[in-house]
PDB file of N, CA and C in Angstrom:
ATOM      1  N   MET A   1       0.937  -1.303  -0.083  1.00  0.00           N
ATOM      2  CA  MET A   1       0.108  -0.034  -0.108  1.00  0.00           C
ATOM      3  C   MET A   1       1.034   1.315   0.082  1.00  0.00           C
ATOM      4  N   ILE A   2       0.375   2.324  -0.681  1.00  0.00           N
ATOM      5  CA  ILE A   2       0.871   3.524  -0.803  1.00  0.00           C
ATOM      6  C   ILE A   2       0.498   4.549   0.427  1.00  0.00           C
ATOM      7  N   THR A   3       0.945   5.082   1.219  1.00  0.00           N
ATOM      8  CA  THR A   3       0.559   6.146   2.052  1.00  0.00           C
ATOM      9  C   THR A   3       0.299   7.884   1.260  1.00  0.00           C
ATOM     10  N   VAL A   4      -0.777   8.075   1.250  1.00  0.00           N
ATOM     11  CA  VAL A   4      -1.058   9.675   0.457  1.00  0.00           C
ATOM     12  C   VAL A   4      -1.084  10.374   1.795  1.00  0.00           C
ATOM     13  N   LYS A   5      -0.568  11.494   1.555  1.00  0.00           N
ATOM     14  CA  LYS A   5      -0.666  12.443   2.866  1.00  0.00           C
ATOM     15  C   LYS A   5      -1.053  13.659   2.135  1.00  0.00           C
ATOM     16  N   PHE A   6      -2.031  14.517   2.892  1.00  0.00           N
ATOM     17  CA  PHE A   6      -2.706  15.568   2.433  1.00  0.00           C
ATOM     18  C   PHE A   6      -2.293  16.746   3.135  1.00  0.00           C
ATOM     19  N   TYR A   7      -2.016  17.965   2.510  1.00  0.00           N
ATOM     20  CA  TYR A   7      -1.435  19.131   3.134  1.00  0.00           C
ATOM     21  C   TYR A   7      -2.175  20.633   2.588  1.00  0.00           C
ATOM     22  N   GLY A   8      -2.403  21.505   3.251  1.00  0.00           N
ATOM     23  CA  GLY A   8      -2.945  22.781   2.891  1.00  0.00           C
ATOM     24  C   GLY A   8      -4.702  22.797   2.574  1.00  0.00           C
ATOM     25  N   LEU A   9      -5.051  23.459   1.836  1.00  0.00           N
ATOM     26  CA  LEU A   9      -6.549  23.434   1.563  1.00  0.00           C
ATOM     27  C   LEU A   9      -6.963  22.161   1.257  1.00  0.00           C
ATOM     28  N   ILE A  10      -6.307  21.484   0.526  1.00  0.00           N
ATOM     29  CA  ILE A  10      -6.779  19.961   0.057  1.00  0.00           C
ATOM     30  C   ILE A  10      -7.119  19.040   1.347  1.00  0.00           C
ATOM     31  N   SER A  11      -6.312  19.251   2.392  1.00  0.00           N
ATOM     32  CA  SER A  11      -6.418  18.610   3.653  1.00  0.00           C
ATOM     33  C   SER A  11      -7.917  19.226   4.359  1.00  0.00           C
ATOM     34  N   VAL A  12      -7.760  20.479   4.591  1.00  0.00           N
ATOM     35  CA  VAL A  12      -8.796  21.205   5.417  1.00  0.00           C
ATOM     36  C   VAL A  12      -9.938  21.203   4.632  1.00  0.00           C
ATOM     37  N   ASP A  13     -10.197  21.174   3.188  1.00  0.00           N
ATOM     38  CA  ASP A  13     -11.665  21.407   2.692  1.00  0.00           C
ATOM     39  C   ASP A  13     -12.257  19.914   2.685  1.00  0.00           C
ATOM     40  N   ASN A  14     -11.421  19.089   2.658  1.00  0.00           N
ATOM     41  CA  ASN A  14     -12.153  17.718   2.506  1.00  0.00           C
ATOM     42  C   ASN A  14     -11.863  16.864   3.808  1.00  0.00           C
ATOM     43  N   ASN A  15     -11.165  17.589   5.021  1.00  0.00           N
ATOM     44  CA  ASN A  15     -11.070  16.922   6.285  1.00  0.00           C
ATOM     45  C   ASN A  15     -10.495  15.692   6.430  1.00  0.00           C
ATOM     46  N   ILE A  16      -9.179  15.506   5.496  1.00  0.00           N
ATOM     47  CA  ILE A  16      -8.538  14.162   5.632  1.00  0.00           C
ATOM     48  C   ILE A  16      -7.020  14.708   5.560  1.00  0.00           C
ATOM     49  N   GLU A  17      -6.451  13.837   6.279  1.00  0.00           N
ATOM     50  CA  GLU A  17      -4.864  14.029   6.460  1.00  0.00           C
ATOM     51  C   GLU A  17      -3.920  12.952   5.631  1.00  0.00           C
ATOM     52  N   GLN A  18      -4.792  11.711   5.753  1.00  0.00           N
ATOM     53  CA  GLN A  18      -4.053  10.588   5.108  1.00  0.00           C
ATOM     54  C   GLN A  18      -4.806   9.493   4.412  1.00  0.00           C
ATOM     55  N   LEU A  19      -4.329   8.861   3.677  1.00  0.00           N
ATOM     56  CA  LEU A  19      -4.941   7.737   2.915  1.00  0.00           C
ATOM     57  C   LEU A  19      -4.513   6.653   2.567  1.00  0.00           C
ATOM     58  N   GLU A  20      -4.799   5.315   2.615  1.00  0.00           N
ATOM     59  CA  GLU A  20      -3.553   4.354   2.199  1.00  0.00           C
ATOM     60  C   GLU A  20      -4.549   3.699   0.846  1.00  0.00           C
ATOM     61  N   VAL A  21      -3.709   3.604  -0.295  1.00  0.00           N
ATOM     62  CA  VAL A  21      -4.251   3.161  -1.603  1.00  0.00           C
ATOM     63  C   VAL A  21      -2.991   2.112  -1.990  1.00  0.00           C
ATOM     64  N   PRO A  22      -3.669   1.340  -3.182  1.00  0.00           N
ATOM     65  CA  PRO A  22      -2.709   0.373  -3.669  1.00  0.00           C
ATOM     66  C   PRO A  22      -1.712   1.084  -4.309  1.00  0.00           C
ATOM     67  N   GLU A  23      -0.601   0.345  -4.593  1.00  0.00           N
ATOM     68  CA  GLU A  23       0.781   0.830  -5.622  1.00  0.00           C
ATOM     69  C   GLU A  23       0.264   0.779  -7.094  1.00  0.00           C
ATOM     70  N   GLY A  24       0.991   1.857  -7.566  1.00  0.00           N
ATOM     71  CA  GLY A  24       0.594   2.028  -9.056  1.00  0.00           C
ATOM     72  C   GLY A  24       1.440   3.461  -9.401  1.00  0.00           C
ATOM     73  N   THR A  25       1.146   3.737 -10.529  1.00  0.00           N
ATOM     74  CA  THR A  25       2.004   5.208 -10.924  1.00  0.00           C
ATOM     75  C   THR A  25       1.081   6.115 -10.283  1.00  0.00           C
ATOM     76  N   VAL A  26       1.726   7.414 -10.270  1.00  0.00           N
ATOM     77  CA  VAL A  26       1.446   8.713  -9.571  1.00  0.00           C
ATOM     78  C   VAL A  26       0.041   8.772 -10.245  1.00  0.00           C
ATOM     79  N   SER A  27      -0.337   8.732 -11.390  1.00  0.00           N
ATOM     80  CA  SER A  27      -1.747   8.931 -11.983  1.00  0.00           C
ATOM     81  C   SER A  27      -2.537   7.912 -11.697  1.00  0.00           C
ATOM     82  N   GLN A  28      -2.149   6.609 -11.510  1.00  0.00           N
ATOM     83  CA  GLN A  28      -3.186   5.691 -11.137  1.00  0.00           C
ATOM     84  C   GLN A  28      -3.729   5.909  -9.743  1.00  0.00           C
ATOM     85  N   VAL A  29      -2.825   6.371  -8.801  1.00  0.00           N
ATOM     86  CA  VAL A  29      -2.801   6.804  -7.381  1.00  0.00           C
ATOM     87  C   VAL A  29      -3.864   7.886  -7.268  1.00  0.00           C
ATOM     88  N   LEU A  30      -3.865   8.890  -7.971  1.00  0.00           N
ATOM     89  CA  LEU A  30      -4.599  10.166  -8.119  1.00  0.00           C
ATOM     90  C   LEU A  30      -6.325   9.664  -8.531  1.00  0.00           C
ATOM     91  N   ASN A  31      -6.156   8.764  -9.417  1.00  0.00           N
ATOM     92  CA  ASN A  31      -7.488   8.221 -10.096  1.00  0.00           C
ATOM     93  C   ASN A  31      -8.122   7.368  -8.733  1.00  0.00           C
ATOM     94  N   GLU A  32      -7.088   6.723  -8.152  1.00  0.00           N
ATOM     95  CA  GLU A  32      -7.918   6.091  -6.976  1.00  0.00           C
ATOM     96  C   GLU A  32      -8.366   6.845  -5.725  1.00  0.00           C
ATOM     97  N   ILE A  33      -7.893   8.221  -5.531  1.00  0.00           N
ATOM     98  CA  ILE A  33      -7.861   9.180  -4.645  1.00  0.00           C
ATOM     99  C   ILE A  33      -9.322   9.546  -4.959  1.00  0.00           C
ATOM    100  N   ILE A  34      -9.449  10.090  -6.201  1.00  0.00           N
ATOM    101  CA  ILE A  34     -10.861  10.507  -6.822  1.00  0.00           C
ATOM    102  C   ILE A  34     -11.699   9.581  -6.828  1.00  0.00           C
ATOM    103  N   ARG A  35     -11.732   8.262  -6.790  1.00  0.00           N
ATOM    104  CA  ARG A  35     -12.713   7.267  -6.949  1.00  0.00           C
ATOM    105  C   ARG A  35     -13.054   7.140  -5.170  1.00  0.00           C
ATOM    106  N   LEU A  36     -12.189   7.425  -4.351  1.00  0.00           N
ATOM    107  CA  LEU A  36     -12.663   6.982  -2.982  1.00  0.00           C
ATOM    108  C   LEU A  36     -12.982   8.157  -2.357  1.00  0.00           C
ATOM    109  N   LEU A  37     -12.648   9.452  -2.843  1.00  0.00           N
ATOM    110  CA  LEU A  37     -12.873  10.742  -2.379  1.00  0.00           C
ATOM    111  C   LEU A  37     -13.465  11.718  -3.416  1.00  0.00           C
ATOM    112  N   PRO A  38     -14.830  11.510  -3.924  1.00  0.00           N
ATOM    113  CA  PRO A  38     -15.290  12.238  -4.957  1.00  0.00           C
ATOM    114  C   PRO A  38     -15.209  13.424  -4.887  1.00  0.00           C
ATOM    115  N   ASN A  39     -15.210  14.041  -3.465  1.00  0.00           N
ATOM    116  CA  ASN A  39     -15.477  15.578  -3.260  1.00  0.00           C
ATOM    117  C   ASN A  39     -14.119  16.147  -3.631  1.00  0.00           C
ATOM    118  N   ILE A  40     -13.018  15.601  -3.678  1.00  0.00           N
ATOM    119  CA  ILE A  40     -11.757  16.181  -4.307  1.00  0.00           C
ATOM    120  C   ILE A  40     -11.806  16.090  -6.165  1.00  0.00           C
ATOM    121  N   SER A  41     -11.404  17.173  -6.376  1.00  0.00           N
ATOM    122  CA  SER A  41     -11.526  17.270  -7.730  1.00  0.00           C
ATOM    123  C   SER A  41     -10.245  16.859  -8.579  1.00  0.00           C
ATOM    124  N   LYS A  42     -10.337  16.416  -9.797  1.00  0.00           N
ATOM    125  CA  LYS A  42      -8.913  15.844 -10.521  1.00  0.00           C
ATOM    126  C   LYS A  42      -8.100  17.093 -10.805  1.00  0.00           C
ATOM    127  N   GLU A  43      -8.635  18.295 -11.042  1.00  0.00           N
ATOM    128  CA  GLU A  43      -8.142  19.585 -11.104  1.00  0.00           C
ATOM    129  C   GLU A  43      -7.190  19.942  -9.869  1.00  0.00           C
ATOM    130  N   GLN A  44      -7.948  19.548  -8.584  1.00  0.00           N
ATOM    131  CA  GLN A  44      -7.471  19.864  -7.539  1.00  0.00           C
ATOM    132  C   GLN A  44      -6.035  19.167  -7.322  1.00  0.00           C
ATOM    133  N   LEU A  45      -6.059  17.846  -7.541  1.00  0.00           N
ATOM    134  CA  LEU A  45      -4.902  16.962  -7.302  1.00  0.00           C
ATOM    135  C   LEU A  45      -3.920  17.260  -8.465  1.00  0.00           C
ATOM    136  N   MET A  46      -4.296  17.509  -9.545  1.00  0.00           N
ATOM    137  CA  MET A  46      -3.305  17.640 -10.702  1.00  0.00           C
ATOM    138  C   MET A  46      -2.420  18.991 -10.492  1.00  0.00           C
ATOM    139  N   GLN A  47      -3.001  20.097  -9.826  1.00  0.00           N
ATOM    140  CA  GLN A  47      -2.452  21.445  -9.560  1.00  0.00           C
ATOM    141  C   GLN A  47      -1.644  21.178  -8.115  1.00  0.00           C
ATOM    142  N   SER A  48      -1.584  20.309  -7.404  1.00  0.00           N
ATOM    143  CA  SER A  48      -1.106  20.107  -6.466  1.00  0.00           C
ATOM    144  C   SER A  48       0.593  19.853  -6.372  1.00  0.00           C
ATOM    145  N   ILE A  49       1.232  20.404  -5.319  1.00  0.00           N
ATOM    146  CA  ILE A  49       2.785  20.269  -5.507  1.00  0.00           C
ATOM    147  C   ILE A  49       2.799  18.992  -4.805  1.00  0.00           C
ATOM    148  N   MET A  50       3.696  17.921  -5.493  1.00  0.00           N
ATOM    149  CA  MET A  50       3.757  16.661  -5.148  1.00  0.00           C
ATOM    150  C   MET A  50       5.159  16.239  -4.565  1.00  0.00           C
ATOM    151  N   PHE A  51       5.283  15.422  -3.844  1.00  0.00           N
ATOM    152  CA  PHE A  51       6.611  14.845  -3.103  1.00  0.00           C
ATOM    153  C   PHE A  51       6.254  13.273  -3.085  1.00  0.00           C
ATOM    154  N   VAL A  52       7.519  12.633  -3.299  1.00  0.00           N
ATOM    155  CA  VAL A  52       7.412  11.117  -3.172  1.00  0.00           C
ATOM    156  C   VAL A  52       8.677  10.748  -2.515  1.00  0.00           C
ATOM    157  N   ASN A  53       8.382  10.370  -1.295  1.00  0.00           N
ATOM    158  CA  ASN A  53       9.255  10.066  -0.175  1.00  0.00           C
ATOM    159  C   ASN A  53      10.136  11.296   0.271  1.00  0.00           C
ATOM    160  N   LYS A  54       9.475  12.499   0.412  1.00  0.00           N
ATOM    161  CA  LYS A  54       9.925  13.809   0.569  1.00  0.00           C
ATOM    162  C   LYS A  54      10.668  14.295  -0.252  1.00  0.00           C
ATOM    163  N   LYS A  55      10.858  14.036  -1.783  1.00  0.00           N
ATOM    164  CA  LYS A  55      11.297  14.583  -2.817  1.00  0.00           C
ATOM    165  C   LYS A  55      10.383  15.095  -3.569  1.00  0.00           C
ATOM    166  N   GLN A  56      10.451  16.454  -4.000  1.00  0.00           N
ATOM    167  CA  GLN A  56       9.529  16.935  -4.850  1.00  0.00           C
ATOM    168  C   GLN A  56       9.623  16.340  -6.396  1.00  0.00           C
ATOM    169  N   ILE A  57       8.479  16.153  -6.962  1.00  0.00           N
ATOM    170  CA  ILE A  57       8.420  15.835  -8.291  1.00  0.00           C
ATOM    171  C   ILE A  57       7.885  16.663  -9.080  1.00  0.00           C
ATOM    172  N   ILE A  58       8.268  16.979 -10.306  1.00  0.00           N
ATOM    173  CA  ILE A  58       7.712  18.146 -11.329  1.00  0.00           C
ATOM    174  C   ILE A  58       7.491  17.683 -12.501  1.00  0.00           C
ATOM    175  N   GLY A  59       6.649  18.396 -13.232  1.00  0.00           N
ATOM    176  CA  GLY A  59       6.855  18.229 -14.773  1.00  0.00           C
ATOM    177  C   GLY A  59       5.619  16.977 -15.059  1.00  0.00           C
ATOM    178  N   ASN A  60       5.364  16.681 -16.393  1.00  0.00           N
ATOM    179  CA  ASN A  60       4.358  16.023 -16.702  1.00  0.00           C
ATOM    180  C   ASN A  60       4.767  14.537 -16.566  1.00  0.00           C
ATOM    181  N   SER A  61       6.323  14.318 -16.642  1.00  0.00           N
ATOM    182  CA  SER A  61       6.690  12.969 -16.252  1.00  0.00           C
ATOM    183  C   SER A  61       6.230  12.587 -14.782  1.00  0.00           C
ATOM    184  N   ARG A  62       6.115  13.447 -13.773  1.00  0.00           N
ATOM    185  CA  ARG A  62       5.751  12.856 -12.539  1.00  0.00           C
ATOM    186  C   ARG A  62       4.421  11.990 -12.549  1.00  0.00           C
ATOM    187  N   PHE A  63       3.617  11.866 -13.664  1.00  0.00           N
ATOM    188  CA  PHE A  63       2.486  11.036 -13.355  1.00  0.00           C
ATOM    189  C   PHE A  63       2.732   9.844 -13.959  1.00  0.00           C
ATOM    190  N   SER A  64       3.967   9.515 -14.491  1.00  0.00           N
ATOM    191  CA  SER A  64       4.152   8.218 -14.842  1.00  0.00           C
ATOM    192  C   SER A  64       5.222   7.467 -13.652  1.00  0.00           C
ATOM    193  N   ILE A  65       5.562   8.113 -12.884  1.00  0.00           N
ATOM    194  CA  ILE A  65       6.460   7.586 -11.803  1.00  0.00           C
ATOM    195  C   ILE A  65       5.687   6.334 -11.033  1.00  0.00           C
ATOM    196  N   MET A  66       6.366   5.274 -10.819  1.00  0.00           N
ATOM    197  CA  MET A  66       5.865   4.254 -10.345  1.00  0.00           C
ATOM    198  C   MET A  66       5.886   4.154  -8.772  1.00  0.00           C
ATOM    199  N   LEU A  67       4.930   3.962  -7.897  1.00  0.00           N
ATOM    200  CA  LEU A  67       4.968   4.017  -6.688  1.00  0.00           C
ATOM    201  C   LEU A  67       4.910   2.386  -6.103  1.00  0.00           C
ATOM    202  N   LYS A  68       5.571   2.318  -5.173  1.00  0.00           N
ATOM    203  CA  LYS A  68       5.559   0.798  -4.677  1.00  0.00           C
ATOM    204  C   LYS A  68       5.118   1.009  -3.120  1.00  0.00           C
ATOM    205  N   ALA A  69       4.874  -0.348  -2.768  1.00  0.00           N
ATOM    206  CA  ALA A  69       4.461  -0.593  -1.389  1.00  0.00           C
ATOM    207  C   ALA A  69       5.597  -0.006  -0.308  1.00  0.00           C
ATOM    208  N   GLY A  70       4.949   0.750   0.758  1.00  0.00           N
ATOM    209  CA  GLY A  70       5.818   1.532   1.408  1.00  0.00           C
ATOM    210  C   GLY A  70       6.156   3.042   1.164  1.00  0.00           C
ATOM    211  N   ASP A  71       5.985   3.326  -0.315  1.00  0.00           N
ATOM    212  CA  ASP A  71       6.153   4.823  -0.670  1.00  0.00           C
ATOM    213  C   ASP A  71       5.213   5.660  -0.122  1.00  0.00           C
ATOM    214  N   GLU A  72       5.546   7.014   0.068  1.00  0.00           N
ATOM    215  CA  GLU A  72       4.676   8.036   0.653  1.00  0.00           C
ATOM    216  C   GLU A  72       4.521   9.169  -0.556  1.00  0.00           C
ATOM    217  N   LEU A  73       3.161   9.394  -0.816  1.00  0.00           N
ATOM    218  CA  LEU A  73       2.950  10.555  -1.975  1.00  0.00           C
ATOM    219  C   LEU A  73       2.310  11.610  -0.869  1.00  0.00           C
ATOM    220  N   ALA A  74       2.907  12.911  -1.178  1.00  0.00           N
ATOM    221  CA  ALA A  74       2.390  13.937  -0.170  1.00  0.00           C
ATOM    222  C   ALA A  74       1.731  14.959  -1.342  1.00  0.00           C
ATOM    223  N   LEU A  75       0.732  15.409  -0.933  1.00  0.00           N
ATOM    224  CA  LEU A  75      -0.012  16.218  -1.918  1.00  0.00           C
ATOM    225  C   LEU A  75      -0.246  17.634  -1.221  1.00  0.00           C
ATOM    226  N   LEU A  76       0.293  18.630  -1.552  1.00  0.00           N
ATOM    227  CA  LEU A  76       0.227  20.246  -0.970  1.00  0.00           C
ATOM    228  C   LEU A  76      -0.684  20.951  -2.065  1.00  0.00           C
ATOM    229  N   SER A  77      -1.785  21.516  -1.555  1.00  0.00           N
ATOM    230  CA  SER A  77      -2.255  22.583  -2.216  1.00  0.00           C
ATOM    231  C   SER A  77      -1.451  23.810  -2.602  1.00  0.00           C
ATOM    232  N   PRO A  78      -1.446  24.312  -3.779  1.00  0.00           N
ATOM    233  CA  PRO A  78      -0.573  25.459  -4.180  1.00  0.00           C
ATOM    234  C   PRO A  78      -1.277  26.688  -3.370  1.00  0.00           C
ATOM    235  N   VAL A  79      -0.347  27.689  -2.911  1.00  0.00           N
ATOM    236  CA  VAL A  79      -0.716  28.636  -2.132  1.00  0.00           C
ATOM    237  C   VAL A  79      -0.808  30.109  -2.966  1.00  0.00           C
ATOM    238  N   SER A  80      -1.820  31.029  -2.820  1.00  0.00           N
ATOM    239  CA  SER A  80      -1.628  32.200  -3.191  1.00  0.00           C
ATOM    240  C   SER A  80      -1.913  33.136  -2.312  1.00  0.00           C
ATOM    241  N   GLY A  81      -1.504  34.126  -2.427  1.00  0.00           N
ATOM    242  CA  GLY A  81      -1.911  35.208  -1.494  1.00  0.00           C
ATOM    243  C   GLY A  81      -1.914  36.590  -1.925  1.00  0.00           C
ATOM    244  N   GLY A  82      -2.377  37.505  -1.143  1.00  0.00           N
ATOM    245  CA  GLY A  82      -2.317  38.987  -1.628  1.00  0.00           C
ATOM    246  C   GLY A  82      -2.086  39.877  -0.504  1.00  0.00           C
TER     247      GLY A  82
END
């Protein structure tokens, strides 16, 4: 299983801190999150800042990264302010 941790507004708005999901690519894991938590939009997940095992992943290639049992995917809502 993969541990998905939620931070920022994505956590607050959906009242969730973490979730366990089956291993797969980042894209597959995001789709599983949407299936389990339909209040979270795909757009919200795709725009989040992502970390795998505490290392930031960027670019479109991040969605094809394979996550294996024991890995941690952290999703942080982007922040804007004024």
